[in-house]
Amino acid sequence: MTSPVFSPFILPCGITLSNRLAKAAVEENMADVGQIPGSTLMRLYTSWLLFHVAK
């Protein structure tokens, strides 16, 4: 049996996630004033991206 966690999921805005594993952008409590993503959070996400691309 295939788990639905690994199947695509279409968001209400039309974007398709390749699986159902998603993460809120401000989960790390690194948001700037107004709870918007700031430079610290962008650096963190960039490091994660570079790590996964290098694999």
N, C-alpha and C. Protein backbone atom coordinates (compact mmCIF):
# COMPACT_ATOMS: atom_id res chain seq x y z
N MET A 1 0.85 -1.19 0.00
CA MET A 1 0.00 0.00 0.00
C MET A 1 0.89 1.24 0.00
N THR A 2 0.57 2.23 -0.83
CA THR A 2 1.32 3.47 -0.90
C THR A 2 0.70 4.50 0.03
N SER A 3 1.53 5.14 0.81
CA SER A 3 1.06 6.15 1.75
C SER A 3 0.73 7.45 1.01
N PRO A 4 -0.37 8.13 1.36
CA PRO A 4 -0.69 9.41 0.73
C PRO A 4 0.32 10.51 1.08
N VAL A 5 1.14 10.28 2.10
CA VAL A 5 2.16 11.26 2.48
C VAL A 5 3.12 11.52 1.32
N PHE A 6 3.36 10.51 0.50
CA PHE A 6 4.32 10.62 -0.58
C PHE A 6 3.69 10.94 -1.94
N SER A 7 2.41 11.23 -1.95
CA SER A 7 1.74 11.57 -3.21
C SER A 7 1.61 13.09 -3.34
N PRO A 8 1.52 13.61 -4.57
CA PRO A 8 1.39 15.05 -4.77
C PRO A 8 0.15 15.61 -4.09
N PHE A 9 0.24 16.89 -3.73
CA PHE A 9 -0.86 17.58 -3.07
C PHE A 9 -0.99 18.97 -3.68
N ILE A 10 -2.18 19.32 -4.14
CA ILE A 10 -2.41 20.63 -4.77
C ILE A 10 -2.97 21.59 -3.73
N LEU A 11 -2.25 22.71 -3.53
CA LEU A 11 -2.70 23.74 -2.59
C LEU A 11 -3.83 24.55 -3.21
N PRO A 12 -4.64 25.23 -2.40
CA PRO A 12 -5.73 26.04 -2.94
C PRO A 12 -5.27 27.11 -3.95
N CYS A 13 -4.02 27.57 -3.82
CA CYS A 13 -3.51 28.59 -4.75
C CYS A 13 -3.07 27.99 -6.08
N GLY A 14 -3.08 26.65 -6.19
CA GLY A 14 -2.73 26.00 -7.44
C GLY A 14 -1.33 25.39 -7.47
N ILE A 15 -0.50 25.70 -6.48
CA ILE A 15 0.84 25.13 -6.42
C ILE A 15 0.74 23.66 -6.03
N THR A 16 1.52 22.82 -6.69
CA THR A 16 1.53 21.39 -6.39
C THR A 16 2.79 21.04 -5.59
N LEU A 17 2.58 20.44 -4.42
CA LEU A 17 3.70 19.92 -3.63
C LEU A 17 3.96 18.50 -4.10
N SER A 18 5.24 18.13 -4.21
CA SER A 18 5.55 16.77 -4.70
C SER A 18 5.20 15.70 -3.67
N ASN A 19 5.05 16.12 -2.41
CA ASN A 19 4.60 15.21 -1.37
C ASN A 19 3.89 16.05 -0.31
N ARG A 20 3.47 15.44 0.76
CA ARG A 20 2.70 16.17 1.77
C ARG A 20 3.54 16.55 2.99
N LEU A 21 4.83 16.56 2.81
CA LEU A 21 5.73 16.98 3.87
C LEU A 21 6.04 18.46 3.65
N ALA A 22 5.50 19.31 4.48
CA ALA A 22 5.67 20.75 4.31
C ALA A 22 6.03 21.37 5.66
N LYS A 23 6.52 22.59 5.62
CA LYS A 23 6.99 23.25 6.83
C LYS A 23 6.60 24.71 6.77
N ALA A 24 6.13 25.23 7.88
CA ALA A 24 5.79 26.66 7.94
C ALA A 24 7.07 27.49 7.85
N ALA A 25 7.01 28.61 7.17
CA ALA A 25 8.19 29.44 6.93
C ALA A 25 8.78 30.05 8.19
N VAL A 26 8.00 30.21 9.23
CA VAL A 26 8.52 30.83 10.45
C VAL A 26 8.56 29.86 11.62
N GLU A 27 8.64 28.59 11.35
CA GLU A 27 8.64 27.56 12.39
C GLU A 27 9.82 27.70 13.34
N GLU A 28 10.95 28.20 12.88
CA GLU A 28 12.15 28.28 13.70
C GLU A 28 12.16 29.48 14.64
N ASN A 29 11.09 30.25 14.68
CA ASN A 29 11.03 31.48 15.49
C ASN A 29 12.12 32.46 15.10
N MET A 30 12.40 32.55 13.81
CA MET A 30 13.41 33.46 13.30
C MET A 30 12.80 34.55 12.43
N ALA A 31 11.53 34.79 12.58
CA ALA A 31 10.86 35.80 11.78
C ALA A 31 11.24 37.19 12.26
N ASP A 32 11.17 38.14 11.34
CA ASP A 32 11.39 39.54 11.68
C ASP A 32 10.11 40.12 12.28
N VAL A 33 10.17 41.39 12.61
CA VAL A 33 8.99 42.09 13.14
C VAL A 33 7.83 41.90 12.18
N GLY A 34 6.65 41.63 12.71
CA GLY A 34 5.48 41.39 11.87
C GLY A 34 5.36 39.96 11.41
N GLN A 35 6.24 39.08 11.94
CA GLN A 35 6.22 37.66 11.59
C GLN A 35 6.45 37.39 10.11
N ILE A 36 7.32 38.20 9.49
CA ILE A 36 7.67 37.96 8.10
C ILE A 36 9.08 37.35 8.05
N PRO A 37 9.36 36.51 7.05
CA PRO A 37 10.69 35.92 6.95
C PRO A 37 11.74 37.00 6.75
N GLY A 38 12.82 36.94 7.52
CA GLY A 38 13.89 37.92 7.43
C GLY A 38 15.17 37.30 6.90
N SER A 39 16.25 38.06 6.97
CA SER A 39 17.53 37.62 6.41
C SER A 39 18.09 36.40 7.14
N THR A 40 17.88 36.30 8.45
CA THR A 40 18.36 35.14 9.20
C THR A 40 17.68 33.87 8.72
N LEU A 41 16.39 33.93 8.54
CA LEU A 41 15.64 32.76 8.06
C LEU A 41 16.04 32.42 6.61
N MET A 42 16.24 33.44 5.80
CA MET A 42 16.66 33.20 4.41
C MET A 42 18.02 32.51 4.36
N ARG A 43 18.95 32.92 5.24
CA ARG A 43 20.26 32.26 5.28
C ARG A 43 20.12 30.79 5.69
N LEU A 44 19.25 30.53 6.67
CA LEU A 44 19.03 29.15 7.10
C LEU A 44 18.48 28.31 5.96
N TYR A 45 17.45 28.80 5.29
CA TYR A 45 16.85 28.04 4.19
C TYR A 45 17.82 27.88 3.03
N THR A 46 18.64 28.88 2.78
CA THR A 46 19.64 28.79 1.72
C THR A 46 20.67 27.71 2.05
N SER A 47 21.09 27.65 3.32
CA SER A 47 22.05 26.61 3.70
C SER A 47 21.44 25.22 3.53
N TRP A 48 20.16 25.05 3.88
CA TRP A 48 19.49 23.76 3.68
C TRP A 48 19.44 23.42 2.19
N LEU A 49 19.11 24.40 1.36
CA LEU A 49 19.04 24.17 -0.09
C LEU A 49 20.39 23.72 -0.62
N LEU A 50 21.44 24.45 -0.25
CA LEU A 50 22.78 24.12 -0.75
C LEU A 50 23.22 22.75 -0.28
N PHE A 51 22.86 22.39 0.94
CA PHE A 51 23.19 21.06 1.47
C PHE A 51 22.53 19.96 0.64
N HIS A 52 21.24 20.14 0.34
CA HIS A 52 20.50 19.12 -0.41
C HIS A 52 20.91 19.06 -1.87
N VAL A 53 21.28 20.20 -2.45
CA VAL A 53 21.73 20.21 -3.84
C VAL A 53 23.08 19.52 -3.96
N ALA A 54 23.93 19.70 -2.94
CA ALA A 54 25.27 19.11 -2.98
C ALA A 54 25.26 17.60 -2.79
N LYS A 55 24.18 17.04 -2.27
CA LYS A 55 24.12 15.59 -2.02
C LYS A 55 24.19 14.80 -3.30
